[in-house]
Amino acid sequence: MAKRHLGRQVALQVLYAMEMQGSDNFEYDINDYLINLTDKKIEEDDETIVFARNIIDGTVSKKDNLIKVIEKYSKNWRVDRISIIDKLILSISIYELFFRDDIPKKVVINEGIELAKEFSGEGAPGFINGILDSVKKDIEKGSISIS
């Protein structure tokens, strides 16, 4: 399994735990989540852990702005009707679209779709794809930005 994909899986699980705990100050050990996914512990400086931490920290720090983007692009869906998992997948992916220039936007969208296939319901991949594709197009046109 690719290190960044695994990092996204871990980030999603940690962010979900934060949501369930109701706190962005949730204490977590990434290796606890990695062991559940891979049955092995890895070093703290491993690319997977570094990437997962970046995604977690970035998504948490931009949470309010990311939710506003989700609200804007989820036509005919109120954000409170979107499942927590789908909101988190969208948040991670939108964070990457805006703030991770080292990752091609097409890869970000594909990864969001894969996370939806792995962790969400049957209609989620198409829903996630539609929103992320619209966000990507508007970023490329320069018609949307977040700080």
C-alpha atoms as a PDB file:
ATOM      1  CA  MET A   1       0.000   0.000   0.000  1.00  0.00           C
ATOM      2  CA  ALA A   2       1.332   3.443  -0.924  1.00  0.00           C
ATOM      3  CA  LYS A   3       2.594   5.471   2.024  1.00  0.00           C
ATOM      4  CA  ARG A   4       0.507   8.546   1.240  1.00  0.00           C
ATOM      5  CA  HIS A   5      -2.679   6.524   0.800  1.00  0.00           C
ATOM      6  CA  LEU A   6      -2.035   4.883   4.150  1.00  0.00           C
ATOM      7  CA  GLY A   7      -1.347   8.334   5.604  1.00  0.00           C
ATOM      8  CA  ARG A   8      -4.716   9.557   4.335  1.00  0.00           C
ATOM      9  CA  GLN A   9      -6.461   6.520   5.837  1.00  0.00           C
ATOM     10  CA  VAL A  10      -4.840   7.239   9.204  1.00  0.00           C
ATOM     11  CA  ALA A  11      -5.643  10.956   8.965  1.00  0.00           C
ATOM     12  CA  LEU A  12      -9.283  10.133   8.236  1.00  0.00           C
ATOM     13  CA  GLN A  13      -9.485   7.809  11.239  1.00  0.00           C
ATOM     14  CA  VAL A  14      -7.831  10.315  13.585  1.00  0.00           C
ATOM     15  CA  LEU A  15     -10.073  13.149  12.358  1.00  0.00           C
ATOM     16  CA  TYR A  16     -13.115  10.902  12.816  1.00  0.00           C
ATOM     17  CA  ALA A  17     -12.033  10.128  16.379  1.00  0.00           C
ATOM     18  CA  MET A  18     -11.656  13.876  17.009  1.00  0.00           C
ATOM     19  CA  GLU A  19     -15.186  14.464  15.722  1.00  0.00           C
ATOM     20  CA  MET A  20     -16.577  11.707  17.940  1.00  0.00           C
ATOM     21  CA  GLN A  21     -14.649  13.111  20.913  1.00  0.00           C
ATOM     22  CA  GLY A  22     -15.868  16.605  20.061  1.00  0.00           C
ATOM     23  CA  SER A  23     -12.400  18.125  20.332  1.00  0.00           C
ATOM     24  CA  ASP A  24      -9.614  19.303  18.052  1.00  0.00           C
ATOM     25  CA  ASN A  25      -7.243  18.805  20.989  1.00  0.00           C
ATOM     26  CA  PHE A  26      -7.658  15.035  20.881  1.00  0.00           C
ATOM     27  CA  GLU A  27      -4.584  13.117  22.043  1.00  0.00           C
ATOM     28  CA  TYR A  28      -3.640  10.461  19.516  1.00  0.00           C
ATOM     29  CA  ASP A  29      -0.792   8.193  18.537  1.00  0.00           C
ATOM     30  CA  ILE A  30      -0.683   7.625  14.787  1.00  0.00           C
ATOM     31  CA  ASN A  31       0.937   4.241  15.325  1.00  0.00           C
ATOM     32  CA  ASP A  32      -2.190   3.037  17.134  1.00  0.00           C
ATOM     33  CA  TYR A  33      -4.132   3.638  13.926  1.00  0.00           C
ATOM     34  CA  LEU A  34      -1.384   2.214  11.709  1.00  0.00           C
ATOM     35  CA  ILE A  35      -1.288  -1.006  13.711  1.00  0.00           C
ATOM     36  CA  ASN A  36      -5.034  -1.412  13.116  1.00  0.00           C
ATOM     37  CA  LEU A  37      -4.498  -0.973   9.370  1.00  0.00           C
ATOM     38  CA  THR A  38      -1.194  -2.786   8.815  1.00  0.00           C
ATOM     39  CA  ASP A  39      -0.421  -4.856  11.928  1.00  0.00           C
ATOM     40  CA  LYS A  40       2.932  -3.121  12.267  1.00  0.00           C
ATOM     41  CA  LYS A  41       4.418  -0.124  14.028  1.00  0.00           C
ATOM     42  CA  ILE A  42       6.632   2.300  12.127  1.00  0.00           C
ATOM     43  CA  GLU A  43       9.165   4.954  13.095  1.00  0.00           C
ATOM     44  CA  GLU A  44       7.927   8.453  13.963  1.00  0.00           C
ATOM     45  CA  ASP A  45       9.898  10.026  11.115  1.00  0.00           C
ATOM     46  CA  ASP A  46       8.469   7.640   8.499  1.00  0.00           C
ATOM     47  CA  GLU A  47       6.922   9.377   5.476  1.00  0.00           C
ATOM     48  CA  THR A  48       3.491   7.911   6.294  1.00  0.00           C
ATOM     49  CA  ILE A  49       3.417   9.435   9.776  1.00  0.00           C
ATOM     50  CA  VAL A  50       4.814  12.781   8.626  1.00  0.00           C
ATOM     51  CA  PHE A  51       2.238  12.947   5.813  1.00  0.00           C
ATOM     52  CA  ALA A  52      -0.656  11.926   8.095  1.00  0.00           C
ATOM     53  CA  ARG A  53       0.325  14.559  10.681  1.00  0.00           C
ATOM     54  CA  ASN A  54       0.481  17.236   7.975  1.00  0.00           C
ATOM     55  CA  ILE A  55      -2.994  16.316   6.745  1.00  0.00           C
ATOM     56  CA  ILE A  56      -4.439  16.169  10.276  1.00  0.00           C
ATOM     57  CA  ASP A  57      -2.878  19.460  11.393  1.00  0.00           C
ATOM     58  CA  GLY A  58      -3.751  21.249   8.157  1.00  0.00           C
ATOM     59  CA  THR A  59      -7.328  20.005   8.083  1.00  0.00           C
ATOM     60  CA  VAL A  60      -7.889  20.943  11.724  1.00  0.00           C
ATOM     61  CA  SER A  61      -6.323  24.395  11.313  1.00  0.00           C
ATOM     62  CA  LYS A  62      -8.456  25.182   8.222  1.00  0.00           C
ATOM     63  CA  LYS A  63     -11.601  23.387   9.420  1.00  0.00           C
ATOM     64  CA  ASP A  64     -14.001  26.359   9.311  1.00  0.00           C
ATOM     65  CA  ASN A  65     -12.853  27.462   5.845  1.00  0.00           C
ATOM     66  CA  LEU A  66     -13.023  23.900   4.517  1.00  0.00           C
ATOM     67  CA  ILE A  67     -16.605  23.520   5.770  1.00  0.00           C
ATOM     68  CA  LYS A  68     -17.528  26.780   3.991  1.00  0.00           C
ATOM     69  CA  VAL A  69     -16.175  25.357   0.731  1.00  0.00           C
ATOM     70  CA  ILE A  70     -18.145  22.146   1.275  1.00  0.00           C
ATOM     71  CA  GLU A  71     -21.288  24.227   1.922  1.00  0.00           C
ATOM     72  CA  LYS A  72     -20.740  26.202  -1.279  1.00  0.00           C
ATOM     73  CA  TYR A  73     -20.293  23.149  -3.496  1.00  0.00           C
ATOM     74  CA  SER A  74     -22.768  20.698  -1.967  1.00  0.00           C
ATOM     75  CA  LYS A  75     -25.723  21.970  -3.943  1.00  0.00           C
ATOM     76  CA  ASN A  76     -29.073  20.725  -2.691  1.00  0.00           C
ATOM     77  CA  TRP A  77     -27.385  19.230   0.391  1.00  0.00           C
ATOM     78  CA  ARG A  78     -27.128  20.983   3.728  1.00  0.00           C
ATOM     79  CA  VAL A  79     -23.767  20.268   5.356  1.00  0.00           C
ATOM     80  CA  ASP A  80     -25.494  18.855   8.436  1.00  0.00           C
ATOM     81  CA  ARG A  81     -27.048  16.170   6.183  1.00  0.00           C
ATOM     82  CA  ILE A  82     -23.660  15.016   4.834  1.00  0.00           C
ATOM     83  CA  SER A  83     -22.234  12.098   6.799  1.00  0.00           C
ATOM     84  CA  ILE A  84     -19.296  12.816   9.080  1.00  0.00           C
ATOM     85  CA  ILE A  85     -17.056  10.495   7.053  1.00  0.00           C
ATOM     86  CA  ASP A  86     -17.956  12.206   3.780  1.00  0.00           C
ATOM     87  CA  LYS A  87     -17.363  15.665   5.304  1.00  0.00           C
ATOM     88  CA  LEU A  88     -13.969  14.526   6.562  1.00  0.00           C
ATOM     89  CA  ILE A  89     -12.994  12.999   3.212  1.00  0.00           C
ATOM     90  CA  LEU A  90     -14.023  16.247   1.519  1.00  0.00           C
ATOM     91  CA  SER A  91     -12.140  18.308   4.110  1.00  0.00           C
ATOM     92  CA  ILE A  92      -8.941  16.307   3.668  1.00  0.00           C
ATOM     93  CA  SER A  93      -9.202  16.457  -0.118  1.00  0.00           C
ATOM     94  CA  ILE A  94     -10.085  20.149  -0.274  1.00  0.00           C
ATOM     95  CA  TYR A  95      -7.206  20.910   2.086  1.00  0.00           C
ATOM     96  CA  GLU A  96      -4.882  19.050  -0.274  1.00  0.00           C
ATOM     97  CA  LEU A  97      -6.319  20.797  -3.358  1.00  0.00           C
ATOM     98  CA  PHE A  98      -5.624  24.216  -1.858  1.00  0.00           C
ATOM     99  CA  PHE A  99      -2.479  23.706   0.184  1.00  0.00           C
ATOM    100  CA  ARG A 100      -0.504  20.736  -1.192  1.00  0.00           C
ATOM    101  CA  ASP A 101       1.014  21.887  -4.467  1.00  0.00           C
ATOM    102  CA  ASP A 102       3.278  18.826  -4.440  1.00  0.00           C
ATOM    103  CA  ILE A 103       0.314  16.550  -5.141  1.00  0.00           C
ATOM    104  CA  PRO A 104      -1.395  16.667  -8.559  1.00  0.00           C
ATOM    105  CA  LYS A 105      -5.029  17.696  -8.222  1.00  0.00           C
ATOM    106  CA  LYS A 106      -6.178  14.649 -10.185  1.00  0.00           C
ATOM    107  CA  VAL A 107      -4.405  12.414  -7.631  1.00  0.00           C
ATOM    108  CA  VAL A 108      -6.122  14.255  -4.764  1.00  0.00           C
ATOM    109  CA  ILE A 109      -9.526  13.645  -6.343  1.00  0.00           C
ATOM    110  CA  ASN A 110      -8.766   9.969  -7.030  1.00  0.00           C
ATOM    111  CA  GLU A 111      -7.606   9.507  -3.438  1.00  0.00           C
ATOM    112  CA  GLY A 112     -10.800  11.131  -2.130  1.00  0.00           C
ATOM    113  CA  ILE A 113     -12.848   8.740  -4.249  1.00  0.00           C
ATOM    114  CA  GLU A 114     -10.818   5.757  -2.981  1.00  0.00           C
ATOM    115  CA  LEU A 115     -11.321   6.821   0.648  1.00  0.00           C
ATOM    116  CA  ALA A 116     -15.062   7.079  -0.024  1.00  0.00           C
ATOM    117  CA  LYS A 117     -15.075   3.560  -1.511  1.00  0.00           C
ATOM    118  CA  GLU A 118     -13.219   2.216   1.531  1.00  0.00           C
ATOM    119  CA  PHE A 119     -14.955   4.077   4.345  1.00  0.00           C
ATOM    120  CA  SER A 120     -18.328   5.378   3.153  1.00  0.00           C
ATOM    121  CA  GLY A 121     -21.541   4.321   1.496  1.00  0.00           C
ATOM    122  CA  GLU A 122     -22.427   3.303  -2.046  1.00  0.00           C
ATOM    123  CA  GLY A 123     -23.286   6.773  -3.384  1.00  0.00           C
ATOM    124  CA  ALA A 124     -20.383   8.531  -1.693  1.00  0.00           C
ATOM    125  CA  PRO A 125     -17.695   8.130  -4.389  1.00  0.00           C
ATOM    126  CA  GLY A 126     -19.816   9.931  -6.995  1.00  0.00           C
ATOM    127  CA  PHE A 127     -20.831  12.648  -4.530  1.00  0.00           C
ATOM    128  CA  ILE A 128     -17.210  13.197  -3.454  1.00  0.00           C
ATOM    129  CA  ASN A 129     -16.029  13.205  -7.087  1.00  0.00           C
ATOM    130  CA  GLY A 130     -18.618  15.800  -8.110  1.00  0.00           C
ATOM    131  CA  ILE A 131     -17.733  18.240  -5.357  1.00  0.00           C
ATOM    132  CA  LEU A 132     -13.967  17.818  -5.670  1.00  0.00           C
ATOM    133  CA  ASP A 133     -14.042  18.178  -9.445  1.00  0.00           C
ATOM    134  CA  SER A 134     -16.022  21.431  -9.157  1.00  0.00           C
ATOM    135  CA  VAL A 135     -13.633  22.790  -6.524  1.00  0.00           C
ATOM    136  CA  LYS A 136     -10.624  21.840  -8.680  1.00  0.00           C
ATOM    137  CA  LYS A 137     -12.064  23.611 -11.729  1.00  0.00           C
ATOM    138  CA  ASP A 138     -12.724  26.794  -9.751  1.00  0.00           C
ATOM    139  CA  ILE A 139      -9.234  26.726  -8.222  1.00  0.00           C
ATOM    140  CA  GLU A 140      -7.783  26.429 -11.734  1.00  0.00           C
ATOM    141  CA  LYS A 141      -9.937  29.334 -12.932  1.00  0.00           C
ATOM    142  CA  GLY A 142      -8.878  31.379  -9.912  1.00  0.00           C
ATOM    143  CA  SER A 143     -12.485  31.939  -8.877  1.00  0.00           C
ATOM    144  CA  ILE A 144     -12.090  30.533  -5.359  1.00  0.00           C
ATOM    145  CA  SER A 145      -9.470  30.775  -2.645  1.00  0.00           C
ATOM    146  CA  ILE A 146      -9.254  30.175   1.063  1.00  0.00           C
ATOM    147  CA  SER A 147      -6.755  31.229   3.660  1.00  0.00           C
END
